[in-house]
Amino acid sequence: MIINRRNGTIELIDQVEHGRVAGELAAAWGNQVFEHPVPNPAVSLAAGRHDEGWRSIDGALLFDELAKRPLHFLDIDVERHIPLYRAGVERVSMLDAYAGLLVGMHWSGIYRGRWQKPGLTTRLARTPGDGEALAAVVRAEEERWIGVREQVWTEQEPRAVFETRLWHHYELLQLWDLLSLFCCVVPDQPAPPSPVAPWGPQMSGTEHVSEAVRLPTVAVTPGGPRVDVVARVVAAGPVIELDPFPFAGPVSVDVEVRTLPDREWTQSEAIAHLGRRRPEVRRVRLVAPSA
């Protein structure tokens, strides 16, 4: 569950809803500069279901007893995080092996700084025991990849080309993940002039300011030139400008949001309140820089 405070309310966005938005971004990705992902159905499936394991957990409305509100997704403990993600990887793998491989890479990457540098870990590891448990997951998942890679690699391309494309798709998944999160929590007001900040660490909090942010670096084609896409709100709605722009034209995505008044709650009170109200839908529009 993504928790976001906005205008006197606590917004709740299910992880699978955020994942659905990421899947729409993946399906729309590509233009004359940015290559369309191939195979697109499998890659879009991975993006849309990368948080599949959260489905039952979000339905149960995990609760933060100290904060007296639903639990923010980054505050979950390792003991619950590992099995829920494992279940999600297994479910996606039954639908498509390549998509399941990407979701498994995403899962283990959460514990290894999104595979950006050797030795990176995660804020989820709060004790030495947590670190050991996560390291064991990463080792087991990397071993699982060996067989899946053999299964999905075809005679249509050399192994080096396949591996380059696979990691390219993984990096795209990280960008879609974080761009979807940005769409879910970004304020409506335009971003003031300011230095561009890396996007991601801000999600540890539950209140957000409008700012220009840099999404994870990606290549425009597998093994091709690497670029940083900058996102900023340029108009209410919100309307988000992406530079460089990776889609063929403007893209609109809808985000389903449930809300609670911003006060202290018990779990039963929050469940009852949410059960009496329909979710709201916020439309986010992604556009190219104006000339």
C-alpha atoms as a PDB file:
ATOM      1  CA  MET A   1       0.000   0.000   0.000  1.00  0.00           C
ATOM      2  CA  ILE A   2       1.336   3.399  -1.004  1.00  0.00           C
ATOM      3  CA  ILE A   3       0.485   6.062   1.575  1.00  0.00           C
ATOM      4  CA  ASN A   4       0.422   9.685   0.438  1.00  0.00           C
ATOM      5  CA  ARG A   5      -0.727  12.724   2.374  1.00  0.00           C
ATOM      6  CA  ARG A   6      -2.482  15.357   0.280  1.00  0.00           C
ATOM      7  CA  ASN A   7      -4.714  18.301   1.238  1.00  0.00           C
ATOM      8  CA  GLY A   8      -5.838  16.973   4.619  1.00  0.00           C
ATOM      9  CA  THR A   9      -6.346  13.393   3.465  1.00  0.00           C
ATOM     10  CA  ILE A  10      -4.407  10.145   3.598  1.00  0.00           C
ATOM     11  CA  GLU A  11      -4.395   8.653   0.112  1.00  0.00           C
ATOM     12  CA  LEU A  12      -4.100   4.891  -0.287  1.00  0.00           C
ATOM     13  CA  ILE A  13      -2.976   3.407  -3.601  1.00  0.00           C
ATOM     14  CA  ASP A  14      -2.764  -0.373  -3.866  1.00  0.00           C
ATOM     15  CA  GLN A  15       0.544  -1.781  -5.060  1.00  0.00           C
ATOM     16  CA  VAL A  16      -1.239  -3.710  -7.798  1.00  0.00           C
ATOM     17  CA  GLU A  17      -2.897  -0.466  -8.951  1.00  0.00           C
ATOM     18  CA  HIS A  18       0.520   1.180  -9.145  1.00  0.00           C
ATOM     19  CA  GLY A  19       1.680  -1.903 -11.047  1.00  0.00           C
ATOM     20  CA  ARG A  20      -1.208  -1.610 -13.493  1.00  0.00           C
ATOM     21  CA  VAL A  21      -0.142   1.967 -14.241  1.00  0.00           C
ATOM     22  CA  ALA A  22       3.438   0.785 -14.818  1.00  0.00           C
ATOM     23  CA  GLY A  23       2.074  -1.767 -17.283  1.00  0.00           C
ATOM     24  CA  GLU A  24       0.272   0.956 -19.235  1.00  0.00           C
ATOM     25  CA  LEU A  25       3.494   2.962 -19.402  1.00  0.00           C
ATOM     26  CA  ALA A  26       5.330  -0.112 -20.682  1.00  0.00           C
ATOM     27  CA  ALA A  27       2.713  -0.777 -23.354  1.00  0.00           C
ATOM     28  CA  ALA A  28       2.956   2.823 -24.594  1.00  0.00           C
ATOM     29  CA  TRP A  29       6.770   3.016 -24.476  1.00  0.00           C
ATOM     30  CA  GLY A  30       8.644   3.690 -27.682  1.00  0.00           C
ATOM     31  CA  ASN A  31       9.010   6.150 -30.546  1.00  0.00           C
ATOM     32  CA  GLN A  32      11.600   7.000 -33.191  1.00  0.00           C
ATOM     33  CA  VAL A  33      14.294   7.367 -30.504  1.00  0.00           C
ATOM     34  CA  PHE A  34      13.269   4.872 -27.816  1.00  0.00           C
ATOM     35  CA  GLU A  35      12.877   1.289 -29.016  1.00  0.00           C
ATOM     36  CA  HIS A  36       9.590  -0.496 -28.365  1.00  0.00           C
ATOM     37  CA  PRO A  37      10.273  -3.423 -25.987  1.00  0.00           C
ATOM     38  CA  VAL A  38      10.388  -6.824 -27.689  1.00  0.00           C
ATOM     39  CA  PRO A  39       8.685  -9.155 -26.803  1.00  0.00           C
ATOM     40  CA  ASN A  40       6.201  -6.448 -25.827  1.00  0.00           C
ATOM     41  CA  PRO A  41       3.420  -8.608 -24.316  1.00  0.00           C
ATOM     42  CA  ALA A  42       5.813 -10.324 -21.883  1.00  0.00           C
ATOM     43  CA  VAL A  43       7.581  -7.104 -20.908  1.00  0.00           C
ATOM     44  CA  SER A  44       4.300  -5.245 -20.414  1.00  0.00           C
ATOM     45  CA  LEU A  45       2.990  -8.159 -18.349  1.00  0.00           C
ATOM     46  CA  ALA A  46       6.063  -7.998 -16.110  1.00  0.00           C
ATOM     47  CA  ALA A  47       5.624  -4.261 -15.634  1.00  0.00           C
ATOM     48  CA  GLY A  48       1.913  -4.542 -14.943  1.00  0.00           C
ATOM     49  CA  ARG A  49       2.289  -7.424 -12.474  1.00  0.00           C
ATOM     50  CA  HIS A  50       5.692  -6.644 -10.911  1.00  0.00           C
ATOM     51  CA  ASP A  51       4.030  -6.118  -7.511  1.00  0.00           C
ATOM     52  CA  GLU A  52       1.567  -8.990  -7.901  1.00  0.00           C
ATOM     53  CA  GLY A  53       2.506 -10.444  -4.514  1.00  0.00           C
ATOM     54  CA  TRP A  54       0.977  -7.459  -2.746  1.00  0.00           C
ATOM     55  CA  ARG A  55      -2.542  -8.256  -3.976  1.00  0.00           C
ATOM     56  CA  SER A  56      -3.747 -10.192  -0.917  1.00  0.00           C
ATOM     57  CA  ILE A  57      -1.715  -8.087   1.522  1.00  0.00           C
ATOM     58  CA  ASP A  58      -3.209  -4.809   0.327  1.00  0.00           C
ATOM     59  CA  GLY A  59      -6.653  -6.350   0.564  1.00  0.00           C
ATOM     60  CA  ALA A  60      -6.010  -7.088   4.236  1.00  0.00           C
ATOM     61  CA  LEU A  61      -4.962  -3.443   4.868  1.00  0.00           C
ATOM     62  CA  LEU A  62      -1.758  -3.894   6.866  1.00  0.00           C
ATOM     63  CA  PHE A  63      -1.668  -1.355   9.675  1.00  0.00           C
ATOM     64  CA  ASP A  64       0.991   0.807  11.324  1.00  0.00           C
ATOM     65  CA  GLU A  65      -0.032   0.802  14.982  1.00  0.00           C
ATOM     66  CA  LEU A  66       2.471   3.498  15.952  1.00  0.00           C
ATOM     67  CA  ALA A  67       1.463   5.903  13.191  1.00  0.00           C
ATOM     68  CA  LYS A  68      -2.217   4.928  13.593  1.00  0.00           C
ATOM     69  CA  ARG A  69      -2.771   4.628   9.846  1.00  0.00           C
ATOM     70  CA  PRO A  70      -2.409   1.943   7.151  1.00  0.00           C
ATOM     71  CA  LEU A  71       1.156   0.700   6.660  1.00  0.00           C
ATOM     72  CA  HIS A  72       3.279   2.397   3.990  1.00  0.00           C
ATOM     73  CA  PHE A  73       4.787  -0.201   1.655  1.00  0.00           C
ATOM     74  CA  LEU A  74       8.397   0.658   2.507  1.00  0.00           C
ATOM     75  CA  ASP A  75       7.752   0.074   6.215  1.00  0.00           C
ATOM     76  CA  ILE A  76       6.892  -3.614   5.869  1.00  0.00           C
ATOM     77  CA  ASP A  77       9.138  -6.122   7.659  1.00  0.00           C
ATOM     78  CA  VAL A  78      11.359  -8.659   5.930  1.00  0.00           C
ATOM     79  CA  GLU A  79       9.369 -11.615   7.292  1.00  0.00           C
ATOM     80  CA  ARG A  80       6.333 -10.520   5.286  1.00  0.00           C
ATOM     81  CA  HIS A  81       8.128  -8.979   2.316  1.00  0.00           C
ATOM     82  CA  ILE A  82       9.967 -12.139   1.237  1.00  0.00           C
ATOM     83  CA  PRO A  83       6.979 -14.514   0.987  1.00  0.00           C
ATOM     84  CA  LEU A  84       4.681 -11.994  -0.654  1.00  0.00           C
ATOM     85  CA  TYR A  85       7.190 -11.240  -3.416  1.00  0.00           C
ATOM     86  CA  ARG A  86       8.009 -14.919  -3.862  1.00  0.00           C
ATOM     87  CA  ALA A  87       4.312 -15.636  -4.366  1.00  0.00           C
ATOM     88  CA  GLY A  88       4.072 -12.828  -6.908  1.00  0.00           C
ATOM     89  CA  VAL A  89       7.042 -14.119  -8.901  1.00  0.00           C
ATOM     90  CA  GLU A  90       5.535 -17.596  -8.935  1.00  0.00           C
ATOM     91  CA  ARG A  91       2.148 -16.357 -10.161  1.00  0.00           C
ATOM     92  CA  VAL A  92       3.621 -14.249 -12.963  1.00  0.00           C
ATOM     93  CA  SER A  93       5.962 -17.095 -13.967  1.00  0.00           C
ATOM     94  CA  MET A  94       2.950 -19.360 -14.484  1.00  0.00           C
ATOM     95  CA  LEU A  95       1.585 -16.818 -16.960  1.00  0.00           C
ATOM     96  CA  ASP A  96       4.835 -16.209 -18.857  1.00  0.00           C
ATOM     97  CA  ALA A  97       8.379 -17.398 -18.146  1.00  0.00           C
ATOM     98  CA  TYR A  98      10.101 -14.270 -19.498  1.00  0.00           C
ATOM     99  CA  ALA A  99       7.798 -11.979 -17.511  1.00  0.00           C
ATOM    100  CA  GLY A 100       8.426 -14.088 -14.409  1.00  0.00           C
ATOM    101  CA  LEU A 101      12.167 -13.784 -14.951  1.00  0.00           C
ATOM    102  CA  LEU A 102      11.926  -9.989 -15.085  1.00  0.00           C
ATOM    103  CA  VAL A 103       9.766  -9.862 -11.958  1.00  0.00           C
ATOM    104  CA  GLY A 104      12.275 -12.097 -10.172  1.00  0.00           C
ATOM    105  CA  MET A 105      15.091  -9.772 -11.203  1.00  0.00           C
ATOM    106  CA  HIS A 106      13.020  -6.869  -9.876  1.00  0.00           C
ATOM    107  CA  TRP A 107      12.409  -8.693  -6.568  1.00  0.00           C
ATOM    108  CA  SER A 108      16.063  -9.494  -5.932  1.00  0.00           C
ATOM    109  CA  GLY A 109      17.051  -6.055  -7.208  1.00  0.00           C
ATOM    110  CA  ILE A 110      14.985  -4.461  -4.439  1.00  0.00           C
ATOM    111  CA  TYR A 111      17.404  -6.097  -1.996  1.00  0.00           C
ATOM    112  CA  ARG A 112      20.482  -5.058  -3.992  1.00  0.00           C
ATOM    113  CA  GLY A 113      19.991  -1.381  -4.793  1.00  0.00           C
ATOM    114  CA  ARG A 114      18.305  -2.165  -8.130  1.00  0.00           C
ATOM    115  CA  TRP A 115      21.581  -3.759  -9.258  1.00  0.00           C
ATOM    116  CA  GLN A 116      23.289  -0.385  -9.699  1.00  0.00           C
ATOM    117  CA  LYS A 117      26.517  -1.096  -7.795  1.00  0.00           C
ATOM    118  CA  PRO A 118      28.107  -4.099  -6.045  1.00  0.00           C
ATOM    119  CA  GLY A 119      27.379  -4.316  -2.343  1.00  0.00           C
ATOM    120  CA  LEU A 120      24.246  -2.176  -2.248  1.00  0.00           C
ATOM    121  CA  THR A 121      21.497  -3.329   0.121  1.00  0.00           C
ATOM    122  CA  THR A 122      18.045  -2.118   1.183  1.00  0.00           C
ATOM    123  CA  ARG A 123      16.458  -0.164   4.007  1.00  0.00           C
ATOM    124  CA  LEU A 124      14.258  -3.220   4.631  1.00  0.00           C
ATOM    125  CA  ALA A 125      17.237  -4.909   6.318  1.00  0.00           C
ATOM    126  CA  ARG A 126      16.936  -3.560   9.854  1.00  0.00           C
ATOM    127  CA  THR A 127      18.945  -6.302  11.617  1.00  0.00           C
ATOM    128  CA  PRO A 128      21.883  -8.578  10.708  1.00  0.00           C
ATOM    129  CA  GLY A 129      19.380 -11.426  10.513  1.00  0.00           C
ATOM    130  CA  ASP A 130      17.342  -9.493   7.969  1.00  0.00           C
ATOM    131  CA  GLY A 131      20.437  -8.987   5.845  1.00  0.00           C
ATOM    132  CA  GLU A 132      21.240 -12.696   5.921  1.00  0.00           C
ATOM    133  CA  ALA A 133      17.678 -13.635   4.957  1.00  0.00           C
ATOM    134  CA  LEU A 134      17.675 -11.226   2.029  1.00  0.00           C
ATOM    135  CA  ALA A 135      21.100 -12.416   0.858  1.00  0.00           C
ATOM    136  CA  ALA A 136      19.809 -15.992   0.835  1.00  0.00           C
ATOM    137  CA  VAL A 137      16.833 -14.913  -1.280  1.00  0.00           C
ATOM    138  CA  VAL A 138      19.099 -13.171  -3.782  1.00  0.00           C
ATOM    139  CA  ARG A 139      21.353 -16.243  -4.108  1.00  0.00           C
ATOM    140  CA  ALA A 140      18.397 -18.569  -4.600  1.00  0.00           C
ATOM    141  CA  GLU A 141      16.748 -16.275  -7.124  1.00  0.00           C
ATOM    142  CA  GLU A 142      19.957 -15.895  -9.146  1.00  0.00           C
ATOM    143  CA  GLU A 143      20.256 -19.685  -9.242  1.00  0.00           C
ATOM    144  CA  ARG A 144      16.659 -19.933 -10.473  1.00  0.00           C
ATOM    145  CA  TRP A 145      17.435 -17.537 -13.306  1.00  0.00           C
ATOM    146  CA  ILE A 146      19.917 -20.008 -14.817  1.00  0.00           C
ATOM    147  CA  GLY A 147      17.229 -22.467 -15.842  1.00  0.00           C
ATOM    148  CA  VAL A 148      14.714 -19.812 -16.860  1.00  0.00           C
ATOM    149  CA  ARG A 149      17.273 -18.075 -19.067  1.00  0.00           C
ATOM    150  CA  GLU A 150      17.946 -21.351 -20.848  1.00  0.00           C
ATOM    151  CA  GLN A 151      14.199 -21.787 -21.309  1.00  0.00           C
ATOM    152  CA  VAL A 152      13.460 -18.355 -22.807  1.00  0.00           C
ATOM    153  CA  TRP A 153      16.633 -17.826 -24.865  1.00  0.00           C
ATOM    154  CA  THR A 154      15.879 -18.791 -28.467  1.00  0.00           C
ATOM    155  CA  GLU A 155      17.929 -19.506 -31.566  1.00  0.00           C
ATOM    156  CA  GLN A 156      16.826 -16.169 -33.017  1.00  0.00           C
ATOM    157  CA  GLU A 157      19.732 -14.317 -31.373  1.00  0.00           C
ATOM    158  CA  PRO A 158      23.160 -15.010 -29.807  1.00  0.00           C
ATOM    159  CA  ARG A 159      23.313 -15.305 -26.019  1.00  0.00           C
ATOM    160  CA  ALA A 160      25.101 -11.952 -25.670  1.00  0.00           C
ATOM    161  CA  VAL A 161      22.297 -10.194 -27.547  1.00  0.00           C
ATOM    162  CA  PHE A 162      19.692 -11.951 -25.402  1.00  0.00           C
ATOM    163  CA  GLU A 163      21.429 -10.977 -22.136  1.00  0.00           C
ATOM    164  CA  THR A 164      21.823  -7.354 -23.229  1.00  0.00           C
ATOM    165  CA  ARG A 165      18.146  -7.172 -24.118  1.00  0.00           C
ATOM    166  CA  LEU A 166      17.111  -8.852 -20.848  1.00  0.00           C
ATOM    167  CA  TRP A 167      18.991  -6.348 -18.689  1.00  0.00           C
ATOM    168  CA  HIS A 168      17.701  -3.526 -20.868  1.00  0.00           C
ATOM    169  CA  HIS A 169      14.170  -4.686 -20.095  1.00  0.00           C
ATOM    170  CA  TYR A 170      15.039  -4.891 -16.396  1.00  0.00           C
ATOM    171  CA  GLU A 171      16.220  -1.280 -16.420  1.00  0.00           C
ATOM    172  CA  LEU A 172      13.094  -0.178 -18.266  1.00  0.00           C
ATOM    173  CA  LEU A 173      11.034  -1.924 -15.587  1.00  0.00           C
ATOM    174  CA  GLN A 174      12.816   0.125 -12.924  1.00  0.00           C
ATOM    175  CA  LEU A 175      12.006   3.346 -14.771  1.00  0.00           C
ATOM    176  CA  TRP A 176       8.352   2.375 -15.275  1.00  0.00           C
ATOM    177  CA  ASP A 177       8.132   1.407 -11.599  1.00  0.00           C
ATOM    178  CA  LEU A 178       9.432   4.763 -10.411  1.00  0.00           C
ATOM    179  CA  LEU A 179       7.567   6.811 -13.012  1.00  0.00           C
ATOM    180  CA  SER A 180       4.346   5.098 -11.940  1.00  0.00           C
ATOM    181  CA  LEU A 181       5.108   5.944  -8.301  1.00  0.00           C
ATOM    182  CA  PHE A 182       5.713   9.556  -9.348  1.00  0.00           C
ATOM    183  CA  CYS A 183       2.334   9.599 -11.105  1.00  0.00           C
ATOM    184  CA  CYS A 184       0.677   8.189  -7.973  1.00  0.00           C
ATOM    185  CA  VAL A 185       1.961  10.733  -5.439  1.00  0.00           C
ATOM    186  CA  VAL A 186       3.022  13.875  -7.312  1.00  0.00           C
ATOM    187  CA  PRO A 187       1.313  17.129  -6.247  1.00  0.00           C
ATOM    188  CA  ASP A 188      -0.868  19.000  -8.731  1.00  0.00           C
ATOM    189  CA  GLN A 189       1.037  22.272  -8.688  1.00  0.00           C
ATOM    190  CA  PRO A 190       3.839  22.936 -11.204  1.00  0.00           C
ATOM    191  CA  ALA A 191       7.384  22.360 -10.021  1.00  0.00           C
ATOM    192  CA  PRO A 192       9.288  25.585  -9.242  1.00  0.00           C
ATOM    193  CA  PRO A 193      12.751  26.101 -10.763  1.00  0.00           C
ATOM    194  CA  SER A 194      15.136  23.915  -8.773  1.00  0.00           C
ATOM    195  CA  PRO A 195      18.007  21.452  -9.209  1.00  0.00           C
ATOM    196  CA  VAL A 196      16.940  18.073 -10.559  1.00  0.00           C
ATOM    197  CA  ALA A 197      16.810  15.450  -7.784  1.00  0.00           C
ATOM    198  CA  PRO A 198      17.068  11.667  -8.194  1.00  0.00           C
ATOM    199  CA  TRP A 199      13.603  10.163  -7.796  1.00  0.00           C
ATOM    200  CA  GLY A 200      13.143   7.248  -5.421  1.00  0.00           C
ATOM    201  CA  PRO A 201      14.409   8.161  -1.936  1.00  0.00           C
ATOM    202  CA  GLN A 202      11.441  10.533  -1.551  1.00  0.00           C
ATOM    203  CA  MET A 203       9.116   7.507  -1.399  1.00  0.00           C
ATOM    204  CA  SER A 204      10.335   6.709   2.116  1.00  0.00           C
ATOM    205  CA  GLY A 205       8.137   9.606   3.242  1.00  0.00           C
ATOM    206  CA  THR A 206       4.399  10.113   2.906  1.00  0.00           C
ATOM    207  CA  GLU A 207       4.345  13.805   1.941  1.00  0.00           C
ATOM    208  CA  HIS A 208       5.675  15.116  -1.350  1.00  0.00           C
ATOM    209  CA  VAL A 209       6.569  18.440  -2.913  1.00  0.00           C
ATOM    210  CA  SER A 210       6.477  19.324  -6.582  1.00  0.00           C
ATOM    211  CA  GLU A 211      10.016  19.093  -7.948  1.00  0.00           C
ATOM    212  CA  ALA A 212      11.913  18.148 -11.075  1.00  0.00           C
ATOM    213  CA  VAL A 213      13.185  14.588 -10.686  1.00  0.00           C
ATOM    214  CA  ARG A 214      15.543  12.299 -12.570  1.00  0.00           C
ATOM    215  CA  LEU A 215      14.282   8.798 -13.306  1.00  0.00           C
ATOM    216  CA  PRO A 216      16.609   5.763 -13.478  1.00  0.00           C
ATOM    217  CA  THR A 217      19.042   5.858 -16.388  1.00  0.00           C
ATOM    218  CA  VAL A 218      18.011   3.712 -19.351  1.00  0.00           C
ATOM    219  CA  ALA A 219      19.311   3.010 -22.832  1.00  0.00           C
ATOM    220  CA  VAL A 220      17.254   4.088 -25.822  1.00  0.00           C
ATOM    221  CA  THR A 221      17.917   0.669 -27.384  1.00  0.00           C
ATOM    222  CA  PRO A 222      19.479  -2.485 -25.913  1.00  0.00           C
ATOM    223  CA  GLY A 223      23.167  -1.647 -25.504  1.00  0.00           C
ATOM    224  CA  GLY A 224      22.600   1.800 -27.028  1.00  0.00           C
ATOM    225  CA  PRO A 225      23.129   5.344 -25.743  1.00  0.00           C
ATOM    226  CA  ARG A 226      22.024   5.870 -22.155  1.00  0.00           C
ATOM    227  CA  VAL A 227      19.863   8.813 -21.121  1.00  0.00           C
ATOM    228  CA  ASP A 228      18.338  10.320 -17.993  1.00  0.00           C
ATOM    229  CA  VAL A 229      14.644  11.113 -18.308  1.00  0.00           C
ATOM    230  CA  VAL A 230      13.611  14.131 -16.207  1.00  0.00           C
ATOM    231  CA  ALA A 231      10.017  14.429 -14.986  1.00  0.00           C
ATOM    232  CA  ARG A 232       8.319  17.568 -13.690  1.00  0.00           C
ATOM    233  CA  VAL A 233       4.755  18.784 -13.223  1.00  0.00           C
ATOM    234  CA  VAL A 234       4.052  21.670 -15.602  1.00  0.00           C
ATOM    235  CA  ALA A 235       0.304  22.152 -15.053  1.00  0.00           C
ATOM    236  CA  ALA A 236      -2.485  21.146 -12.695  1.00  0.00           C
ATOM    237  CA  GLY A 237      -4.204  17.872 -13.361  1.00  0.00           C
ATOM    238  CA  PRO A 238      -1.411  16.931 -12.998  1.00  0.00           C
ATOM    239  CA  VAL A 239       0.342  17.258 -16.348  1.00  0.00           C
ATOM    240  CA  ILE A 240       3.851  15.795 -16.242  1.00  0.00           C
ATOM    241  CA  GLU A 241       6.531  16.744 -18.747  1.00  0.00           C
ATOM    242  CA  LEU A 242       9.127  14.094 -19.603  1.00  0.00           C
ATOM    243  CA  ASP A 243      12.421  15.131 -21.178  1.00  0.00           C
ATOM    244  CA  PRO A 244      13.459  13.372 -23.347  1.00  0.00           C
ATOM    245  CA  PHE A 245      10.003  12.094 -24.207  1.00  0.00           C
ATOM    246  CA  PRO A 246       9.834   8.291 -24.631  1.00  0.00           C
ATOM    247  CA  PHE A 247       6.340   7.863 -26.092  1.00  0.00           C
ATOM    248  CA  ALA A 248       4.916   8.367 -29.576  1.00  0.00           C
ATOM    249  CA  GLY A 249       2.465  10.983 -28.294  1.00  0.00           C
ATOM    250  CA  PRO A 250       0.828  12.260 -25.094  1.00  0.00           C
ATOM    251  CA  VAL A 251      -0.143   9.487 -22.682  1.00  0.00           C
ATOM    252  CA  SER A 252      -2.889   9.600 -20.053  1.00  0.00           C
ATOM    253  CA  VAL A 253      -3.099   7.137 -17.162  1.00  0.00           C
ATOM    254  CA  ASP A 254      -5.776   6.858 -14.488  1.00  0.00           C
ATOM    255  CA  VAL A 255      -4.817   6.140 -10.877  1.00  0.00           C
ATOM    256  CA  GLU A 256      -7.417   4.701  -8.506  1.00  0.00           C
ATOM    257  CA  VAL A 257      -7.108   6.265  -5.051  1.00  0.00           C
ATOM    258  CA  ARG A 258      -8.888   5.588  -1.764  1.00  0.00           C
ATOM    259  CA  THR A 259      -8.859   8.272   0.910  1.00  0.00           C
ATOM    260  CA  LEU A 260      -9.111   8.694   4.655  1.00  0.00           C
ATOM    261  CA  PRO A 261      -9.302  11.992   6.533  1.00  0.00           C
ATOM    262  CA  ASP A 262      -5.816  12.727   7.867  1.00  0.00           C
ATOM    263  CA  ARG A 263      -6.229  11.779  11.516  1.00  0.00           C
ATOM    264  CA  GLU A 264      -5.438   8.853  13.780  1.00  0.00           C
ATOM    265  CA  TRP A 265      -7.236   5.588  13.004  1.00  0.00           C
ATOM    266  CA  THR A 266      -7.626   2.061  14.271  1.00  0.00           C
ATOM    267  CA  GLN A 267      -7.437  -0.704  11.694  1.00  0.00           C
ATOM    268  CA  SER A 268     -11.117  -1.607  12.074  1.00  0.00           C
ATOM    269  CA  GLU A 269     -12.198   2.035  11.756  1.00  0.00           C
ATOM    270  CA  ALA A 270     -10.135   2.496   8.601  1.00  0.00           C
ATOM    271  CA  ILE A 271     -11.498  -0.684   7.008  1.00  0.00           C
ATOM    272  CA  ALA A 272     -15.074   0.347   7.800  1.00  0.00           C
ATOM    273  CA  HIS A 273     -14.571   3.875   6.456  1.00  0.00           C
ATOM    274  CA  LEU A 274     -12.996   2.665   3.221  1.00  0.00           C
ATOM    275  CA  GLY A 275     -15.734   0.080   2.755  1.00  0.00           C
ATOM    276  CA  ARG A 276     -18.381   2.799   2.654  1.00  0.00           C
ATOM    277  CA  ARG A 277     -16.745   4.844  -0.099  1.00  0.00           C
ATOM    278  CA  ARG A 278     -15.883   4.276  -3.718  1.00  0.00           C
ATOM    279  CA  PRO A 279     -12.316   4.939  -4.846  1.00  0.00           C
ATOM    280  CA  GLU A 280     -11.569   8.171  -6.661  1.00  0.00           C
ATOM    281  CA  VAL A 281      -9.825   8.236 -10.038  1.00  0.00           C
ATOM    282  CA  ARG A 282      -7.084  10.745 -10.763  1.00  0.00           C
ATOM    283  CA  ARG A 283      -6.023  11.240 -14.386  1.00  0.00           C
ATOM    284  CA  VAL A 284      -2.352  11.985 -15.025  1.00  0.00           C
ATOM    285  CA  ARG A 285      -1.190  13.243 -18.415  1.00  0.00           C
ATOM    286  CA  LEU A 286       2.366  12.772 -19.693  1.00  0.00           C
ATOM    287  CA  VAL A 287       3.567  15.188 -22.359  1.00  0.00           C
ATOM    288  CA  ALA A 288       6.691  16.144 -24.288  1.00  0.00           C
ATOM    289  CA  PRO A 289       8.531  19.403 -23.536  1.00  0.00           C
ATOM    290  CA  SER A 290       6.909  22.391 -25.192  1.00  0.00           C
ATOM    291  CA  ALA A 291       8.882  23.930 -28.037  1.00  0.00           C
END
